Amino acid sequence: GHLLQLTGRATVLWNQDDPANETGGTGRF
């Protein structure tokens, strides 16, 4: 029954090496 709210800054990472296939093939994080 908790809500964790975070504020900050976001950066998109394109065409990343993804050997564990975490992105389903997009290479985006």
PDB file of all heavy atoms in Angstrom:
ATOM      1  N   GLY A   1       0.791  -1.221   0.000  1.00  0.00           N
ATOM      2  CA  GLY A   1       0.000   0.000   0.000  1.00  0.00           C
ATOM      3  C   GLY A   1       0.822   1.269   0.000  1.00  0.00           C
ATOM      4  O   GLY A   1       0.459   2.245   0.679  1.00  0.00           O
ATOM      5  N   HIS A   2       1.910   1.275  -0.778  1.00  0.00           N
ATOM      6  CA  HIS A   2       2.766   2.452  -0.863  1.00  0.00           C
ATOM      7  C   HIS A   2       2.824   2.969  -2.299  1.00  0.00           C
ATOM      8  O   HIS A   2       2.634   2.205  -3.251  1.00  0.00           O
ATOM      9  CB  HIS A   2       4.198   2.132  -0.407  1.00  0.00           C
ATOM     10  CG  HIS A   2       4.302   1.668   0.989  1.00  0.00           C
ATOM     11  ND1 HIS A   2       5.245   0.748   1.410  1.00  0.00           N
ATOM     12  CD2 HIS A   2       3.588   1.987   2.098  1.00  0.00           C
ATOM     13  CE1 HIS A   2       5.096   0.513   2.706  1.00  0.00           C
ATOM     14  NE2 HIS A   2       4.105   1.259   3.145  1.00  0.00           N
ATOM     15  N   LEU A   3       3.146   4.241  -2.426  1.00  0.00           N
ATOM     16  CA  LEU A   3       3.435   4.846  -3.721  1.00  0.00           C
ATOM     17  C   LEU A   3       4.799   5.515  -3.624  1.00  0.00           C
ATOM     18  O   LEU A   3       5.040   6.339  -2.734  1.00  0.00           O
ATOM     19  CB  LEU A   3       2.379   5.892  -4.092  1.00  0.00           C
ATOM     20  CG  LEU A   3       0.975   5.367  -4.415  1.00  0.00           C
ATOM     21  CD1 LEU A   3      -0.006   6.536  -4.522  1.00  0.00           C
ATOM     22  CD2 LEU A   3       0.974   4.557  -5.711  1.00  0.00           C
ATOM     23  N   LEU A   4       5.686   5.146  -4.542  1.00  0.00           N
ATOM     24  CA  LEU A   4       7.010   5.760  -4.604  1.00  0.00           C
ATOM     25  C   LEU A   4       7.032   6.713  -5.802  1.00  0.00           C
ATOM     26  O   LEU A   4       6.895   6.289  -6.944  1.00  0.00           O
ATOM     27  CB  LEU A   4       8.096   4.693  -4.769  1.00  0.00           C
ATOM     28  CG  LEU A   4       9.524   5.214  -4.956  1.00  0.00           C
ATOM     29  CD1 LEU A   4       9.981   6.034  -3.757  1.00  0.00           C
ATOM     30  CD2 LEU A   4      10.491   4.059  -5.221  1.00  0.00           C
ATOM     31  N   GLN A   5       7.169   7.998  -5.512  1.00  0.00           N
ATOM     32  CA  GLN A   5       7.212   9.017  -6.559  1.00  0.00           C
ATOM     33  C   GLN A   5       8.630   9.560  -6.667  1.00  0.00           C
ATOM     34  O   GLN A   5       9.229   9.957  -5.662  1.00  0.00           O
ATOM     35  CB  GLN A   5       6.242  10.152  -6.240  1.00  0.00           C
ATOM     36  CG  GLN A   5       4.779   9.729  -6.239  1.00  0.00           C
ATOM     37  CD  GLN A   5       3.868  10.826  -5.726  1.00  0.00           C
ATOM     38  OE1 GLN A   5       3.566  10.856  -4.538  1.00  0.00           O
ATOM     39  NE2 GLN A   5       3.426  11.723  -6.598  1.00  0.00           N
ATOM     40  N   LEU A   6       9.148   9.585  -7.885  1.00  0.00           N
ATOM     41  CA  LEU A   6      10.508  10.044  -8.128  1.00  0.00           C
ATOM     42  C   LEU A   6      10.486  11.106  -9.218  1.00  0.00           C
ATOM     43  O   LEU A   6       9.740  10.990 -10.200  1.00  0.00           O
ATOM     44  CB  LEU A   6      11.404   8.887  -8.583  1.00  0.00           C
ATOM     45  CG  LEU A   6      11.339   7.590  -7.763  1.00  0.00           C
ATOM     46  CD1 LEU A   6      10.560   6.531  -8.529  1.00  0.00           C
ATOM     47  CD2 LEU A   6      12.723   7.070  -7.432  1.00  0.00           C
ATOM     48  N   THR A   7      11.296  12.129  -9.054  1.00  0.00           N
ATOM     49  CA  THR A   7      11.433  13.140 -10.095  1.00  0.00           C
ATOM     50  C   THR A   7      12.906  13.290 -10.437  1.00  0.00           C
ATOM     51  O   THR A   7      13.783  13.106  -9.583  1.00  0.00           O
ATOM     52  CB  THR A   7      10.824  14.493  -9.667  1.00  0.00           C
ATOM     53  OG1 THR A   7      10.784  15.361 -10.801  1.00  0.00           O
ATOM     54  CG2 THR A   7      11.587  15.135  -8.532  1.00  0.00           C
ATOM     55  N   GLY A   8      13.168  13.581 -11.714  1.00  0.00           N
ATOM     56  CA  GLY A   8      14.546  13.694 -12.157  1.00  0.00           C
ATOM     57  C   GLY A   8      14.609  13.946 -13.646  1.00  0.00           C
ATOM     58  O   GLY A   8      13.745  14.621 -14.207  1.00  0.00           O
ATOM     59  N   ARG A   9      15.623  13.376 -14.283  1.00  0.00           N
ATOM     60  CA  ARG A   9      15.824  13.583 -15.719  1.00  0.00           C
ATOM     61  C   ARG A   9      16.031  12.252 -16.425  1.00  0.00           C
ATOM     62  O   ARG A   9      16.659  11.334 -15.882  1.00  0.00           O
ATOM     63  CB  ARG A   9      17.002  14.528 -15.974  1.00  0.00           C
ATOM     64  CG  ARG A   9      16.714  15.958 -15.492  1.00  0.00           C
ATOM     65  CD  ARG A   9      17.821  16.919 -15.833  1.00  0.00           C
ATOM     66  NE  ARG A   9      17.482  18.288 -15.427  1.00  0.00           N
ATOM     67  CZ  ARG A   9      16.896  19.180 -16.223  1.00  0.00           C
ATOM     68  NH1 ARG A   9      16.597  18.842 -17.481  1.00  0.00           N
ATOM     69  NH2 ARG A   9      16.630  20.393 -15.791  1.00  0.00           N
ATOM     70  N   ALA A  10      15.507  12.170 -17.648  1.00  0.00           N
ATOM     71  CA  ALA A  10      15.539  10.928 -18.416  1.00  0.00           C
ATOM     72  C   ALA A  10      16.387  11.092 -19.673  1.00  0.00           C
ATOM     73  O   ALA A  10      16.370  12.157 -20.313  1.00  0.00           O
ATOM     74  CB  ALA A  10      14.128  10.507 -18.801  1.00  0.00           C
ATOM     75  N   THR A  11      17.091  10.033 -20.016  1.00  0.00           N
ATOM     76  CA  THR A  11      17.896   9.986 -21.235  1.00  0.00           C
ATOM     77  C   THR A  11      17.580   8.703 -21.973  1.00  0.00           C
ATOM     78  O   THR A  11      17.578   7.618 -21.378  1.00  0.00           O
ATOM     79  CB  THR A  11      19.406  10.015 -20.908  1.00  0.00           C
ATOM     80  OG1 THR A  11      19.694  11.169 -20.116  1.00  0.00           O
ATOM     81  CG2 THR A  11      20.231  10.037 -22.182  1.00  0.00           C
ATOM     82  N   VAL A  12      17.310   8.798 -23.283  1.00  0.00           N
ATOM     83  CA  VAL A  12      17.025   7.623 -24.101  1.00  0.00           C
ATOM     84  C   VAL A  12      18.328   7.104 -24.694  1.00  0.00           C
ATOM     85  O   VAL A  12      19.137   7.875 -25.224  1.00  0.00           O
ATOM     86  CB  VAL A  12      16.029   7.951 -25.225  1.00  0.00           C
ATOM     87  CG1 VAL A  12      15.732   6.710 -26.060  1.00  0.00           C
ATOM     88  CG2 VAL A  12      14.738   8.520 -24.637  1.00  0.00           C
ATOM     89  N   LEU A  13      18.537   5.793 -24.581  1.00  0.00           N
ATOM     90  CA  LEU A  13      19.731   5.137 -25.102  1.00  0.00           C
ATOM     91  C   LEU A  13      19.338   4.297 -26.312  1.00  0.00           C
ATOM     92  O   LEU A  13      18.539   3.358 -26.196  1.00  0.00           O
ATOM     93  CB  LEU A  13      20.368   4.252 -24.028  1.00  0.00           C
ATOM     94  CG  LEU A  13      20.647   4.935 -22.681  1.00  0.00           C
ATOM     95  CD1 LEU A  13      21.172   3.933 -21.669  1.00  0.00           C
ATOM     96  CD2 LEU A  13      21.648   6.075 -22.861  1.00  0.00           C
ATOM     97  N   TRP A  14      19.877   4.621 -27.470  1.00  0.00           N
ATOM     98  CA  TRP A  14      19.495   3.951 -28.721  1.00  0.00           C
ATOM     99  C   TRP A  14      20.550   2.922 -29.121  1.00  0.00           C
ATOM    100  O   TRP A  14      21.741   3.080 -28.857  1.00  0.00           O
ATOM    101  CB  TRP A  14      19.373   4.976 -29.851  1.00  0.00           C
ATOM    102  CG  TRP A  14      18.287   5.972 -29.637  1.00  0.00           C
ATOM    103  CD1 TRP A  14      18.384   7.176 -28.995  1.00  0.00           C
ATOM    104  CD2 TRP A  14      16.930   5.846 -30.052  1.00  0.00           C
ATOM    105  NE1 TRP A  14      17.167   7.805 -28.986  1.00  0.00           N
ATOM    106  CE2 TRP A  14      16.261   7.026 -29.634  1.00  0.00           C
ATOM    107  CE3 TRP A  14      16.217   4.868 -30.734  1.00  0.00           C
ATOM    108  CZ2 TRP A  14      14.911   7.239 -29.884  1.00  0.00           C
ATOM    109  CZ3 TRP A  14      14.870   5.081 -30.990  1.00  0.00           C
ATOM    110  CH2 TRP A  14      14.225   6.245 -30.574  1.00  0.00           C
ATOM    111  N   ASN A  15      20.099   1.868 -29.806  1.00  0.00           N
ATOM    112  CA  ASN A  15      20.986   0.884 -30.431  1.00  0.00           C
ATOM    113  C   ASN A  15      22.017   0.329 -29.450  1.00  0.00           C
ATOM    114  O   ASN A  15      23.209   0.237 -29.746  1.00  0.00           O
ATOM    115  CB  ASN A  15      21.702   1.511 -31.640  1.00  0.00           C
ATOM    116  CG  ASN A  15      20.720   2.041 -32.667  1.00  0.00           C
ATOM    117  OD1 ASN A  15      19.733   1.376 -32.983  1.00  0.00           O
ATOM    118  ND2 ASN A  15      20.986   3.217 -33.183  1.00  0.00           N
ATOM    119  N   GLN A  16      21.526  -0.038 -28.274  1.00  0.00           N
ATOM    120  CA  GLN A  16      22.400  -0.577 -27.238  1.00  0.00           C
ATOM    121  C   GLN A  16      22.632  -2.071 -27.444  1.00  0.00           C
ATOM    122  O   GLN A  16      21.766  -2.803 -27.929  1.00  0.00           O
ATOM    123  CB  GLN A  16      21.784  -0.357 -25.858  1.00  0.00           C
ATOM    124  CG  GLN A  16      21.592   1.107 -25.496  1.00  0.00           C
ATOM    125  CD  GLN A  16      22.906   1.833 -25.331  1.00  0.00           C
ATOM    126  OE1 GLN A  16      23.695   1.516 -24.456  1.00  0.00           O
ATOM    127  NE2 GLN A  16      23.160   2.819 -26.189  1.00  0.00           N
ATOM    128  N   ASP A  17      23.816  -2.516 -27.080  1.00  0.00           N
ATOM    129  CA  ASP A  17      24.101  -3.951 -27.075  1.00  0.00           C
ATOM    130  C   ASP A  17      23.180  -4.609 -26.055  1.00  0.00           C
ATOM    131  O   ASP A  17      23.116  -4.180 -24.897  1.00  0.00           O
ATOM    132  CB  ASP A  17      25.566  -4.188 -26.708  1.00  0.00           C
ATOM    133  CG  ASP A  17      25.930  -5.659 -26.740  1.00  0.00           C
ATOM    134  OD1 ASP A  17      25.429  -6.373 -27.632  1.00  0.00           O
ATOM    135  OD2 ASP A  17      26.718  -6.087 -25.869  1.00  0.00           O
ATOM    136  N   ASP A  18      22.447  -5.639 -26.475  1.00  0.00           N
ATOM    137  CA  ASP A  18      21.407  -6.238 -25.629  1.00  0.00           C
ATOM    138  C   ASP A  18      21.486  -7.762 -25.692  1.00  0.00           C
ATOM    139  O   ASP A  18      20.576  -8.429 -26.182  1.00  0.00           O
ATOM    140  CB  ASP A  18      20.035  -5.734 -26.095  1.00  0.00           C
ATOM    141  CG  ASP A  18      18.895  -6.119 -25.157  1.00  0.00           C
ATOM    142  OD1 ASP A  18      19.178  -6.553 -24.033  1.00  0.00           O
ATOM    143  OD2 ASP A  18      17.735  -5.998 -25.580  1.00  0.00           O
ATOM    144  N   PRO A  19      22.582  -8.354 -25.197  1.00  0.00           N
ATOM    145  CA  PRO A  19      22.749  -9.806 -25.314  1.00  0.00           C
ATOM    146  C   PRO A  19      21.692 -10.612 -24.595  1.00  0.00           C
ATOM    147  O   PRO A  19      21.378 -11.734 -24.982  1.00  0.00           O
ATOM    148  CB  PRO A  19      24.144 -10.046 -24.711  1.00  0.00           C
ATOM    149  CG  PRO A  19      24.387  -8.867 -23.825  1.00  0.00           C
ATOM    150  CD  PRO A  19      23.708  -7.717 -24.494  1.00  0.00           C
ATOM    151  N   ALA A  20      21.089 -10.047 -23.531  1.00  0.00           N
ATOM    152  CA  ALA A  20      20.042 -10.769 -22.794  1.00  0.00           C
ATOM    153  C   ALA A  20      18.664 -10.556 -23.410  1.00  0.00           C
ATOM    154  O   ALA A  20      17.669 -11.064 -22.890  1.00  0.00           O
ATOM    155  CB  ALA A  20      20.030 -10.317 -21.334  1.00  0.00           C
ATOM    156  N   ASN A  21      18.597  -9.802 -24.513  1.00  0.00           N
ATOM    157  CA  ASN A  21      17.335  -9.525 -25.206  1.00  0.00           C
ATOM    158  C   ASN A  21      16.308  -8.892 -24.266  1.00  0.00           C
ATOM    159  O   ASN A  21      15.121  -9.208 -24.303  1.00  0.00           O
ATOM    160  CB  ASN A  21      16.763 -10.797 -25.840  1.00  0.00           C
ATOM    161  CG  ASN A  21      15.677 -10.498 -26.861  1.00  0.00           C
ATOM    162  OD1 ASN A  21      15.718  -9.472 -27.536  1.00  0.00           O
ATOM    163  ND2 ASN A  21      14.718 -11.390 -26.972  1.00  0.00           N
ATOM    164  N   GLU A  22      16.775  -7.977 -23.427  1.00  0.00           N
ATOM    165  CA  GLU A  22      15.876  -7.313 -22.471  1.00  0.00           C
ATOM    166  C   GLU A  22      14.832  -6.450 -23.159  1.00  0.00           C
ATOM    167  O   GLU A  22      13.757  -6.214 -22.617  1.00  0.00           O
ATOM    168  CB  GLU A  22      16.691  -6.453 -21.503  1.00  0.00           C
ATOM    169  CG  GLU A  22      17.533  -7.234 -20.529  1.00  0.00           C
ATOM    170  CD  GLU A  22      18.247  -6.300 -19.576  1.00  0.00           C
ATOM    171  OE1 GLU A  22      17.629  -5.907 -18.574  1.00  0.00           O
ATOM    172  OE2 GLU A  22      19.408  -5.962 -19.840  1.00  0.00           O
ATOM    173  N   THR A  23      15.130  -5.956 -24.356  1.00  0.00           N
ATOM    174  CA  THR A  23      14.219  -5.031 -25.029  1.00  0.00           C
ATOM    175  C   THR A  23      13.384  -5.699 -26.114  1.00  0.00           C
ATOM    176  O   THR A  23      12.650  -5.013 -26.830  1.00  0.00           O
ATOM    177  CB  THR A  23      15.001  -3.870 -25.670  1.00  0.00           C
ATOM    178  OG1 THR A  23      15.844  -4.386 -26.706  1.00  0.00           O
ATOM    179  CG2 THR A  23      15.832  -3.149 -24.634  1.00  0.00           C
ATOM    180  N   GLY A  24      13.495  -7.021 -26.268  1.00  0.00           N
ATOM    181  CA  GLY A  24      12.740  -7.684 -27.334  1.00  0.00           C
ATOM    182  C   GLY A  24      13.210  -7.292 -28.713  1.00  0.00           C
ATOM    183  O   GLY A  24      12.451  -7.363 -29.679  1.00  0.00           O
ATOM    184  N   GLY A  25      14.459  -6.872 -28.821  1.00  0.00           N
ATOM    185  CA  GLY A  25      15.033  -6.573 -30.126  1.00  0.00           C
ATOM    186  C   GLY A  25      15.128  -5.112 -30.481  1.00  0.00           C
ATOM    187  O   GLY A  25      15.718  -4.765 -31.507  1.00  0.00           O
ATOM    188  N   THR A  26      14.590  -4.205 -29.653  1.00  0.00           N
ATOM    189  CA  THR A  26      14.645  -2.789 -30.029  1.00  0.00           C
ATOM    190  C   THR A  26      16.014  -2.168 -29.764  1.00  0.00           C
ATOM    191  O   THR A  26      16.387  -1.192 -30.418  1.00  0.00           O
ATOM    192  CB  THR A  26      13.597  -1.965 -29.261  1.00  0.00           C
ATOM    193  OG1 THR A  26      13.975  -1.881 -27.876  1.00  0.00           O
ATOM    194  CG2 THR A  26      12.207  -2.568 -29.395  1.00  0.00           C
ATOM    195  N   GLY A  27      16.722  -2.689 -28.770  1.00  0.00           N
ATOM    196  CA  GLY A  27      17.991  -2.076 -28.395  1.00  0.00           C
ATOM    197  C   GLY A  27      17.831  -0.730 -27.725  1.00  0.00           C
ATOM    198  O   GLY A  27      18.795   0.021 -27.578  1.00  0.00           O
ATOM    199  N   ARG A  28      16.603  -0.430 -27.295  1.00  0.00           N
ATOM    200  CA  ARG A  28      16.335   0.864 -26.662  1.00  0.00           C
ATOM    201  C   ARG A  28      16.168   0.699 -25.157  1.00  0.00           C
ATOM    202  O   ARG A  28      15.459  -0.187 -24.683  1.00  0.00           O
ATOM    203  CB  ARG A  28      15.058   1.507 -27.218  1.00  0.00           C
ATOM    204  CG  ARG A  28      15.108   1.923 -28.661  1.00  0.00           C
ATOM    205  CD  ARG A  28      13.886   2.770 -29.013  1.00  0.00           C
ATOM    206  NE  ARG A  28      12.634   2.051 -28.820  1.00  0.00           N
ATOM    207  CZ  ARG A  28      11.957   1.434 -29.781  1.00  0.00           C
ATOM    208  NH1 ARG A  28      12.421   1.427 -31.013  1.00  0.00           N
ATOM    209  NH2 ARG A  28      10.810   0.835 -29.522  1.00  0.00           N
ATOM    210  N   PHE A  29      16.790   1.597 -24.416  1.00  0.00           N
ATOM    211  CA  PHE A  29      16.608   1.723 -22.981  1.00  0.00           C
ATOM    212  C   PHE A  29      16.422   3.205 -22.676  1.00  0.00           C
ATOM    213  O   PHE A  29      16.721   4.065 -23.494  1.00  0.00           O
ATOM    214  CB  PHE A  29      17.828   1.229 -22.204  1.00  0.00           C
ATOM    215  CG  PHE A  29      18.121  -0.232 -22.340  1.00  0.00           C
ATOM    216  CD1 PHE A  29      18.848  -0.719 -23.423  1.00  0.00           C
ATOM    217  CD2 PHE A  29      17.699  -1.131 -21.370  1.00  0.00           C
ATOM    218  CE1 PHE A  29      19.129  -2.063 -23.546  1.00  0.00           C
ATOM    219  CE2 PHE A  29      17.987  -2.483 -21.480  1.00  0.00           C
ATOM    220  CZ  PHE A  29      18.698  -2.953 -22.572  1.00  0.00           C
TER     221      PHE A  29
END
